[in-house]
C-alpha atoms as a PDB file:
ATOM      1  CA  MET A   1      16.741 160.052 109.470  1.00  0.00           C
ATOM      2  CA  SER A   2      17.423 159.544 112.200  1.00  0.00           C
ATOM      3  CA  GLU A   3      14.922 156.210 113.726  1.00  0.00           C
ATOM      4  CA  ARG A   4      14.360 154.026 110.763  1.00  0.00           C
ATOM      5  CA  VAL A   5      10.535 154.893 109.381  1.00  0.00           C
ATOM      6  CA  ARG A   6       8.144 151.557 110.320  1.00  0.00           C
ATOM      7  CA  VAL A   7       6.304 150.678 107.907  1.00  0.00           C
ATOM      8  CA  VAL A   8       3.478 148.150 106.782  1.00  0.00           C
ATOM      9  CA  VAL A   9       2.588 146.923 102.832  1.00  0.00           C
ATOM     10  CA  SER A  10      -0.865 146.317 101.901  1.00  0.00           C
ATOM     11  CA  GLY A  11      -0.783 143.122  98.880  1.00  0.00           C
ATOM     12  CA  ALA A  12       1.051 142.675 100.460  1.00  0.00           C
ATOM     13  CA  ALA A  13       1.338 138.333  98.582  1.00  0.00           C
ATOM     14  CA  GLY A  14       0.590 140.327  95.284  1.00  0.00           C
ATOM     15  CA  LYS A  15       3.122 140.115  92.675  1.00  0.00           C
ATOM     16  CA  MET A  16       4.750 143.727  92.923  1.00  0.00           C
ATOM     17  CA  GLY A  17       3.112 143.660  97.340  1.00  0.00           C
ATOM     18  CA  ARG A  18       6.247 140.852  97.432  1.00  0.00           C
ATOM     19  CA  GLU A  19       8.893 143.155  95.647  1.00  0.00           C
ATOM     20  CA  ILE A  20       8.106 145.547  97.800  1.00  0.00           C
ATOM     21  CA  CYS A  21       8.346 144.020 100.734  1.00  0.00           C
ATOM     22  CA  ALA A  22      11.486 142.934  99.238  1.00  0.00           C
ATOM     23  CA  ALA A  23      13.249 146.700  98.930  1.00  0.00           C
ATOM     24  CA  VAL A  24      11.889 148.208 101.964  1.00  0.00           C
ATOM     25  CA  ALA A  25      13.552 145.075 104.336  1.00  0.00           C
ATOM     26  CA  ARG A  26      16.411 146.079 102.421  1.00  0.00           C
ATOM     27  CA  ASP A  27      16.117 149.788 102.379  1.00  0.00           C
ATOM     28  CA  PRO A  28      18.895 151.252 105.985  1.00  0.00           C
ATOM     29  CA  GLU A  29      16.348 153.527 105.907  1.00  0.00           C
ATOM     30  CA  LEU A  30      13.390 151.639 106.509  1.00  0.00           C
ATOM     31  CA  GLU A  31      12.187 149.044 108.803  1.00  0.00           C
ATOM     32  CA  LEU A  32       8.960 146.335 107.171  1.00  0.00           C
ATOM     33  CA  VAL A  33       6.853 145.963 110.174  1.00  0.00           C
ATOM     34  CA  GLY A  34       3.943 143.737 109.364  1.00  0.00           C
ATOM     35  CA  GLY A  35       1.475 142.334 105.792  1.00  0.00           C
ATOM     36  CA  ILE A  36      -2.153 143.518 104.679  1.00  0.00           C
ATOM     37  CA  ASP A  37      -3.089 140.755 102.484  1.00  0.00           C
ATOM     38  CA  VAL A  38      -5.785 137.631 102.557  1.00  0.00           C
ATOM     39  CA  ALA A  39      -3.139 135.033 103.233  1.00  0.00           C
ATOM     40  CA  PRO A  40       0.559 135.286 104.143  1.00  0.00           C
ATOM     41  CA  SER A  41       3.045 136.251 101.380  1.00  0.00           C
ATOM     42  CA  PRO A  42       5.795 132.735 101.396  1.00  0.00           C
ATOM     43  CA  GLY A  43       9.354 133.668 103.196  1.00  0.00           C
ATOM     44  CA  LEU A  44       8.065 136.343 104.695  1.00  0.00           C
ATOM     45  CA  ASP A  45       8.403 136.253 108.327  1.00  0.00           C
ATOM     46  CA  LEU A  46       6.281 138.713 110.060  1.00  0.00           C
ATOM     47  CA  PRO A  47       3.055 140.068 111.917  1.00  0.00           C
ATOM     48  CA  TRP A  48       0.045 139.319 109.466  1.00  0.00           C
ATOM     49  CA  SER A  49      -3.641 140.264 109.368  1.00  0.00           C
ATOM     50  CA  SER A  50      -5.994 140.543 106.602  1.00  0.00           C
ATOM     51  CA  ASP A  51      -7.631 142.947 109.362  1.00  0.00           C
ATOM     52  CA  PRO A  52      -6.338 146.568 108.775  1.00  0.00           C
ATOM     53  CA  GLU A  53      -7.483 147.750 112.257  1.00  0.00           C
ATOM     54  CA  LEU A  54      -6.100 144.524 113.988  1.00  0.00           C
ATOM     55  CA  LEU A  55      -2.434 145.161 112.195  1.00  0.00           C
ATOM     56  CA  LEU A  56      -2.195 149.010 112.101  1.00  0.00           C
ATOM     57  CA  ARG A  57      -3.299 148.896 116.522  1.00  0.00           C
ATOM     58  CA  GLU A  58      -0.255 145.548 116.897  1.00  0.00           C
ATOM     59  CA  VAL A  59       2.873 146.606 115.184  1.00  0.00           C
ATOM     60  CA  ARG A  60       1.814 150.550 114.633  1.00  0.00           C
ATOM     61  CA  PRO A  61       3.954 152.168 111.298  1.00  0.00           C
ATOM     62  CA  ARG A  62       3.943 155.252 110.037  1.00  0.00           C
ATOM     63  CA  VAL A  63       3.575 154.597 106.265  1.00  0.00           C
ATOM     64  CA  VAL A  64       1.545 152.051 104.769  1.00  0.00           C
ATOM     65  CA  VAL A  65       1.934 151.432 101.250  1.00  0.00           C
ATOM     66  CA  ASP A  66      -1.009 149.847  99.639  1.00  0.00           C
ATOM     67  CA  PHE A  67      -1.051 147.547  96.681  1.00  0.00           C
ATOM     68  CA  SER A  68      -4.262 146.167  96.647  1.00  0.00           C
ATOM     69  CA  THR A  69      -7.359 146.249  94.700  1.00  0.00           C
ATOM     70  CA  ALA A  70      -9.609 149.702  94.485  1.00  0.00           C
ATOM     71  CA  SER A  71     -12.303 148.348  96.324  1.00  0.00           C
ATOM     72  CA  ALA A  72     -10.195 147.627  99.150  1.00  0.00           C
ATOM     73  CA  SER A  73      -7.120 150.662  99.014  1.00  0.00           C
ATOM     74  CA  VAL A  74      -9.656 153.704 100.513  1.00  0.00           C
ATOM     75  CA  GLY A  75     -10.685 151.404 104.130  1.00  0.00           C
ATOM     76  CA  VAL A  76      -6.616 150.580 104.312  1.00  0.00           C
ATOM     77  CA  ALA A  77      -5.707 155.038 104.055  1.00  0.00           C
ATOM     78  CA  LEU A  78      -9.075 155.390 106.262  1.00  0.00           C
ATOM     79  CA  ALA A  79      -7.676 153.126 108.512  1.00  0.00           C
ATOM     80  CA  ALA A  80      -4.273 154.179 108.353  1.00  0.00           C
ATOM     81  CA  LEU A  81      -5.357 157.226 109.319  1.00  0.00           C
ATOM     82  CA  ARG A  82      -6.922 156.461 112.067  1.00  0.00           C
ATOM     83  CA  ALA A  83      -4.048 155.366 113.804  1.00  0.00           C
ATOM     84  CA  GLY A  84      -1.399 157.787 112.602  1.00  0.00           C
ATOM     85  CA  ALA A  85       0.399 156.214 109.801  1.00  0.00           C
ATOM     86  CA  SER A  86       0.502 157.867 106.591  1.00  0.00           C
ATOM     87  CA  PRO A  87      -1.075 156.063 103.645  1.00  0.00           C
ATOM     88  CA  ILE A  88       1.049 155.454  99.883  1.00  0.00           C
ATOM     89  CA  ILE A  89      -1.400 154.387  97.574  1.00  0.00           C
ATOM     90  CA  GLY A  90      -0.306 152.512  94.795  1.00  0.00           C
ATOM     91  CA  THR A  91      -3.650 150.620  93.191  1.00  0.00           C
ATOM     92  CA  SER A  92      -5.185 151.302  90.427  1.00  0.00           C
ATOM     93  CA  GLY A  93      -8.503 151.704  89.343  1.00  0.00           C
ATOM     94  CA  LEU A  94      -9.583 154.128  92.014  1.00  0.00           C
ATOM     95  CA  THR A  95     -12.514 156.841  91.089  1.00  0.00           C
ATOM     96  CA  GLU A  96     -12.289 160.247  91.501  1.00  0.00           C
ATOM     97  CA  SER A  97     -14.873 159.871  94.922  1.00  0.00           C
ATOM     98  CA  MET A  98     -12.092 157.100  96.417  1.00  0.00           C
ATOM     99  CA  VAL A  99      -9.316 159.824  96.223  1.00  0.00           C
ATOM    100  CA  GLY A 100     -11.723 162.244  97.949  1.00  0.00           C
ATOM    101  CA  GLN A 101     -12.426 160.103 100.423  1.00  0.00           C
ATOM    102  CA  ILE A 102      -9.356 160.008 101.282  1.00  0.00           C
ATOM    103  CA  ARG A 103      -8.011 163.438 100.055  1.00  0.00           C
ATOM    104  CA  GLU A 104     -10.979 164.988 102.887  1.00  0.00           C
ATOM    105  CA  ALA A 105      -9.938 161.865 105.862  1.00  0.00           C
ATOM    106  CA  ALA A 106      -5.276 162.910 104.919  1.00  0.00           C
ATOM    107  CA  VAL A 107      -6.472 166.717 105.567  1.00  0.00           C
ATOM    108  CA  THR A 108      -8.739 166.421 108.587  1.00  0.00           C
ATOM    109  CA  SER A 109      -5.425 164.089 110.768  1.00  0.00           C
ATOM    110  CA  GLY A 110      -2.903 166.381 108.967  1.00  0.00           C
ATOM    111  CA  LEU A 111      -1.488 163.830 107.996  1.00  0.00           C
ATOM    112  CA  GLY A 112       0.723 162.621 104.755  1.00  0.00           C
ATOM    113  CA  ALA A 113      -0.911 160.905 102.325  1.00  0.00           C
ATOM    114  CA  ALA A 114      -0.332 160.149  98.820  1.00  0.00           C
ATOM    115  CA  VAL A 115      -2.173 158.753  96.045  1.00  0.00           C
ATOM    116  CA  VAL A 116      -0.007 157.474  92.606  1.00  0.00           C
ATOM    117  CA  PRO A 117      -1.342 156.302  89.621  1.00  0.00           C
ATOM    118  CA  ASN A 118       2.519 155.359  88.521  1.00  0.00           C
ATOM    119  CA  PHE A 119       5.351 154.923  90.398  1.00  0.00           C
ATOM    120  CA  ALA A 120       8.117 154.453  87.622  1.00  0.00           C
ATOM    121  CA  LEU A 121      10.337 158.450  87.291  1.00  0.00           C
ATOM    122  CA  GLY A 122      10.160 158.090  84.082  1.00  0.00           C
ATOM    123  CA  ALA A 123       6.729 157.317  84.020  1.00  0.00           C
ATOM    124  CA  VAL A 124       6.433 160.183  85.597  1.00  0.00           C
ATOM    125  CA  LEU A 125       8.299 162.372  83.515  1.00  0.00           C
ATOM    126  CA  MET A 126       6.379 161.483  80.523  1.00  0.00           C
ATOM    127  CA  MET A 127       3.050 163.136  82.223  1.00  0.00           C
ATOM    128  CA  HIS A 128       5.087 166.051  83.274  1.00  0.00           C
ATOM    129  CA  PHE A 129       6.705 166.658  79.582  1.00  0.00           C
ATOM    130  CA  ALA A 130       2.400 166.224  78.242  1.00  0.00           C
ATOM    131  CA  GLU A 131       1.254 168.209  80.656  1.00  0.00           C
ATOM    132  CA  ILE A 132       3.998 171.127  79.493  1.00  0.00           C
ATOM    133  CA  ALA A 133       3.141 170.009  75.257  1.00  0.00           C
ATOM    134  CA  ALA A 134      -0.595 169.920  76.295  1.00  0.00           C
ATOM    135  CA  ARG A 135      -0.494 174.242  76.160  1.00  0.00           C
ATOM    136  CA  PHE A 136       0.771 173.748  73.007  1.00  0.00           C
ATOM    137  CA  PHE A 137      -1.383 171.246  70.846  1.00  0.00           C
ATOM    138  CA  ASP A 138      -5.132 171.298  69.899  1.00  0.00           C
ATOM    139  CA  SER A 139      -5.303 167.817  69.249  1.00  0.00           C
ATOM    140  CA  VAL A 140      -3.636 164.554  71.507  1.00  0.00           C
ATOM    141  CA  GLU A 141      -4.199 160.608  71.934  1.00  0.00           C
ATOM    142  CA  VAL A 142      -2.720 158.116  74.117  1.00  0.00           C
ATOM    143  CA  ILE A 143      -2.251 154.648  74.078  1.00  0.00           C
ATOM    144  CA  GLU A 144      -1.396 152.519  76.821  1.00  0.00           C
ATOM    145  CA  ALA A 145      -0.154 149.085  76.861  1.00  0.00           C
ATOM    146  CA  HIS A 146      -0.509 146.450  79.597  1.00  0.00           C
ATOM    147  CA  HIS A 147      -0.139 142.752  80.294  1.00  0.00           C
ATOM    148  CA  ASP A 148      -3.193 140.721  79.435  1.00  0.00           C
ATOM    149  CA  THR A 149      -4.243 140.422  83.622  1.00  0.00           C
ATOM    150  CA  LYS A 150      -4.323 143.724  83.722  1.00  0.00           C
ATOM    151  CA  ILE A 151      -8.317 144.261  85.575  1.00  0.00           C
ATOM    152  CA  ASP A 152      -8.885 147.609  84.519  1.00  0.00           C
ATOM    153  CA  ALA A 153      -9.153 149.563  81.988  1.00  0.00           C
ATOM    154  CA  PRO A 154      -7.807 152.299  80.359  1.00  0.00           C
ATOM    155  CA  SER A 155      -5.300 152.564  83.295  1.00  0.00           C
ATOM    156  CA  GLY A 156      -5.330 154.395  86.251  1.00  0.00           C
ATOM    157  CA  THR A 157      -1.802 156.629  84.196  1.00  0.00           C
ATOM    158  CA  ALA A 158      -3.710 156.588  81.057  1.00  0.00           C
ATOM    159  CA  ILE A 159      -7.040 158.828  82.581  1.00  0.00           C
ATOM    160  CA  ALA A 160      -4.588 160.529  84.489  1.00  0.00           C
ATOM    161  CA  THR A 161      -2.001 161.831  81.455  1.00  0.00           C
ATOM    162  CA  ALA A 162      -5.590 163.061  80.009  1.00  0.00           C
ATOM    163  CA  GLN A 163      -7.300 164.485  83.211  1.00  0.00           C
ATOM    164  CA  ARG A 164      -3.866 166.053  83.781  1.00  0.00           C
ATOM    165  CA  MET A 165      -3.448 167.923  80.371  1.00  0.00           C
ATOM    166  CA  VAL A 166      -6.388 168.927  79.892  1.00  0.00           C
ATOM    167  CA  VAL A 167      -6.442 171.070  82.964  1.00  0.00           C
ATOM    168  CA  ALA A 168      -3.199 172.752  81.493  1.00  0.00           C
ATOM    169  CA  ARG A 169      -4.732 173.243  78.292  1.00  0.00           C
ATOM    170  CA  GLY A 170      -7.489 174.999  80.110  1.00  0.00           C
ATOM    171  CA  GLN A 171     -10.788 173.424  77.998  1.00  0.00           C
ATOM    172  CA  ASP A 172     -11.275 169.985  76.104  1.00  0.00           C
ATOM    173  CA  PHE A 173      -9.099 168.876  73.236  1.00  0.00           C
ATOM    174  CA  ARG A 174     -10.585 168.652  69.540  1.00  0.00           C
ATOM    175  CA  ARG A 175     -11.215 164.963  68.943  1.00  0.00           C
ATOM    176  CA  ASN A 176     -11.757 163.994  65.718  1.00  0.00           C
ATOM    177  CA  VAL A 177     -15.824 161.858  65.619  1.00  0.00           C
ATOM    178  CA  PRO A 178     -15.787 159.419  62.325  1.00  0.00           C
ATOM    179  CA  ASP A 179     -19.754 159.577  60.926  1.00  0.00           C
ATOM    180  CA  LYS A 180     -19.664 156.233  60.893  1.00  0.00           C
ATOM    181  CA  GLU A 181     -17.980 154.102  63.791  1.00  0.00           C
ATOM    182  CA  THR A 182     -18.569 150.579  61.542  1.00  0.00           C
ATOM    183  CA  ILE A 183     -17.528 148.748  65.346  1.00  0.00           C
ATOM    184  CA  LEU A 184     -18.467 150.585  67.957  1.00  0.00           C
ATOM    185  CA  GLY A 185     -15.918 152.107  70.296  1.00  0.00           C
ATOM    186  CA  GLY A 186     -13.674 151.846  67.148  1.00  0.00           C
ATOM    187  CA  ARG A 187     -12.245 155.279  67.993  1.00  0.00           C
ATOM    188  CA  GLY A 188     -11.480 154.174  71.771  1.00  0.00           C
ATOM    189  CA  ALA A 189     -12.406 155.336  74.949  1.00  0.00           C
ATOM    190  CA  HIS A 190     -12.202 158.930  75.909  1.00  0.00           C
ATOM    191  CA  TYR A 191     -12.228 162.562  78.510  1.00  0.00           C
ATOM    192  CA  GLY A 192     -11.632 165.786  78.161  1.00  0.00           C
ATOM    193  CA  GLY A 193     -11.144 165.477  73.752  1.00  0.00           C
ATOM    194  CA  VAL A 194      -8.290 162.372  74.909  1.00  0.00           C
ATOM    195  CA  SER A 195      -9.596 159.763  72.852  1.00  0.00           C
ATOM    196  CA  ILE A 196      -7.605 157.011  75.213  1.00  0.00           C
ATOM    197  CA  HIS A 197      -6.652 153.431  73.693  1.00  0.00           C
ATOM    198  CA  SER A 198      -5.985 149.970  76.366  1.00  0.00           C
ATOM    199  CA  LEU A 199      -3.909 147.342  74.633  1.00  0.00           C
ATOM    200  CA  ARG A 200      -3.771 144.278  77.142  1.00  0.00           C
ATOM    201  CA  LEU A 201      -1.145 141.759  76.047  1.00  0.00           C
ATOM    202  CA  PRO A 202       1.000 138.641  77.575  1.00  0.00           C
ATOM    203  CA  GLY A 203       4.511 139.960  77.190  1.00  0.00           C
ATOM    204  CA  ILE A 204       3.920 143.055  77.920  1.00  0.00           C
ATOM    205  CA  ILE A 205       4.689 145.419  81.137  1.00  0.00           C
ATOM    206  CA  ALA A 206       4.077 148.256  80.667  1.00  0.00           C
ATOM    207  CA  ARG A 207       3.320 151.028  78.031  1.00  0.00           C
ATOM    208  CA  GLN A 208       2.172 154.694  77.627  1.00  0.00           C
ATOM    209  CA  GLU A 209       2.063 156.730  74.174  1.00  0.00           C
ATOM    210  CA  VAL A 210       0.911 160.793  73.934  1.00  0.00           C
ATOM    211  CA  ILE A 211       0.503 162.019  71.019  1.00  0.00           C
ATOM    212  CA  PHE A 212      -0.035 165.257  70.048  1.00  0.00           C
ATOM    213  CA  GLY A 213      -1.133 166.215  66.860  1.00  0.00           C
ATOM    214  CA  ALA A 214      -0.673 169.878  64.603  1.00  0.00           C
ATOM    215  CA  LEU A 215      -0.467 170.747  60.637  1.00  0.00           C
ATOM    216  CA  GLY A 216       2.636 168.882  59.341  1.00  0.00           C
ATOM    217  CA  GLN A 217       3.795 167.220  62.457  1.00  0.00           C
ATOM    218  CA  TYR A 218       3.453 164.835  65.125  1.00  0.00           C
ATOM    219  CA  LEU A 219       4.788 164.883  68.939  1.00  0.00           C
ATOM    220  CA  THR A 220       5.459 161.319  70.263  1.00  0.00           C
ATOM    221  CA  ILE A 221       6.124 161.462  74.474  1.00  0.00           C
ATOM    222  CA  ALA A 222       6.694 157.364  75.080  1.00  0.00           C
ATOM    223  CA  HIS A 223       7.845 155.419  78.054  1.00  0.00           C
ATOM    224  CA  ASP A 224       8.787 151.601  79.112  1.00  0.00           C
ATOM    225  CA  THR A 225       8.451 149.833  81.885  1.00  0.00           C
ATOM    226  CA  THR A 226      10.472 146.760  81.251  1.00  0.00           C
ATOM    227  CA  SER A 227      10.343 145.043  84.562  1.00  0.00           C
ATOM    228  CA  ARG A 228       8.427 145.918  88.383  1.00  0.00           C
ATOM    229  CA  GLU A 229      11.802 147.272  89.388  1.00  0.00           C
ATOM    230  CA  ALA A 230      11.206 150.828  87.647  1.00  0.00           C
ATOM    231  CA  TYR A 231       8.072 151.316  90.386  1.00  0.00           C
ATOM    232  CA  LEU A 232      10.716 150.959  93.576  1.00  0.00           C
ATOM    233  CA  PRO A 233      12.524 153.602  93.250  1.00  0.00           C
ATOM    234  CA  GLY A 234       9.618 155.981  93.497  1.00  0.00           C
ATOM    235  CA  VAL A 235       7.647 153.608  96.025  1.00  0.00           C
ATOM    236  CA  LEU A 236      11.096 153.881  97.977  1.00  0.00           C
ATOM    237  CA  LEU A 237      11.253 158.082  97.789  1.00  0.00           C
ATOM    238  CA  ALA A 238       7.762 158.150  98.224  1.00  0.00           C
ATOM    239  CA  ILE A 239       7.482 156.655 101.590  1.00  0.00           C
ATOM    240  CA  LYS A 240      10.813 159.010 103.141  1.00  0.00           C
ATOM    241  CA  ARG A 241       8.597 161.641 101.712  1.00  0.00           C
ATOM    242  CA  ILE A 242       5.505 161.647 102.714  1.00  0.00           C
ATOM    243  CA  VAL A 243       6.613 161.540 106.459  1.00  0.00           C
ATOM    244  CA  GLU A 244       7.509 165.134 105.934  1.00  0.00           C
ATOM    245  CA  ARG A 245       4.656 166.068 104.854  1.00  0.00           C
ATOM    246  CA  GLN A 246       1.247 167.224 106.608  1.00  0.00           C
ATOM    247  CA  ASP A 247      -1.024 167.257 103.911  1.00  0.00           C
ATOM    248  CA  PHE A 248      -2.542 165.102 100.599  1.00  0.00           C
ATOM    249  CA  VAL A 249      -0.608 164.712  97.146  1.00  0.00           C
ATOM    250  CA  PHE A 250      -1.722 162.965  93.688  1.00  0.00           C
ATOM    251  CA  GLY A 251       1.395 161.481  92.252  1.00  0.00           C
ATOM    252  CA  LEU A 252       4.723 162.001  92.881  1.00  0.00           C
ATOM    253  CA  GLU A 253       5.649 165.139  91.159  1.00  0.00           C
ATOM    254  CA  PRO A 254       5.228 167.300  94.443  1.00  0.00           C
ATOM    255  CA  LEU A 255       7.351 164.629  96.272  1.00  0.00           C
ATOM    256  CA  LEU A 256       9.938 164.821  93.632  1.00  0.00           C
ATOM    257  CA  GLY A 257       9.649 169.158  93.429  1.00  0.00           C
ATOM    258  CA  LEU A 258       8.159 169.402  89.756  1.00  0.00           C
ATOM    259  CA  ASN A 259       6.914 172.519  89.059  1.00  0.00           C
ATOM    260  CA  THR A 260       4.676 172.720  85.678  1.00  0.00           C
END
């Protein structure tokens, strides 16, 4: 890259936002030019606003990385595209309709845009391997665990994993449905025959297991996140790759060149 990529971080005062700001500021190929949040983050001497439109007009970034809230992310993404910037949305809890709005706006704009359920490279590979395995098993369940302050359940990664496995299989999985459910919800949430169980406990950052079952065997694909640093290489890679594209991508896989 001949010029540094100008980056704004949305949700910059949050835990993950602060980590991303620091990582962008350290990278010689990137330039941190502003933050979006309801209040400035201590120690960051940057242009700052709670209004994406105002800030983006002022600092003219090339990329906007969003780790705010699902209710705010679509507005941030659309404001970025209107300002000529590529949005990268890492916020959890987006609905299919929200993703569709971002996709449509990106196609219209001709700019690269991404919605990424998980930036940890190991988690991306976990989902990739699960998608491959889905072709060979009839039954699968997902157990995902996160810290007890996570606002949504199941996680975006778990939902994305289930969706991709169903698409790869070409039909719903076979799911055990008990004759008697002694406590409502005992078999967990489900999508396309994939039961999803969510744990929310202090002391955990993120873990996901995908467990395939068949006669005489079962296969477990698991990934553990031990610190938020796991997400930073994926975020930085996404920033550098999205400026080379003119389309919408879901997940890191297209940016990594992974094909199932």
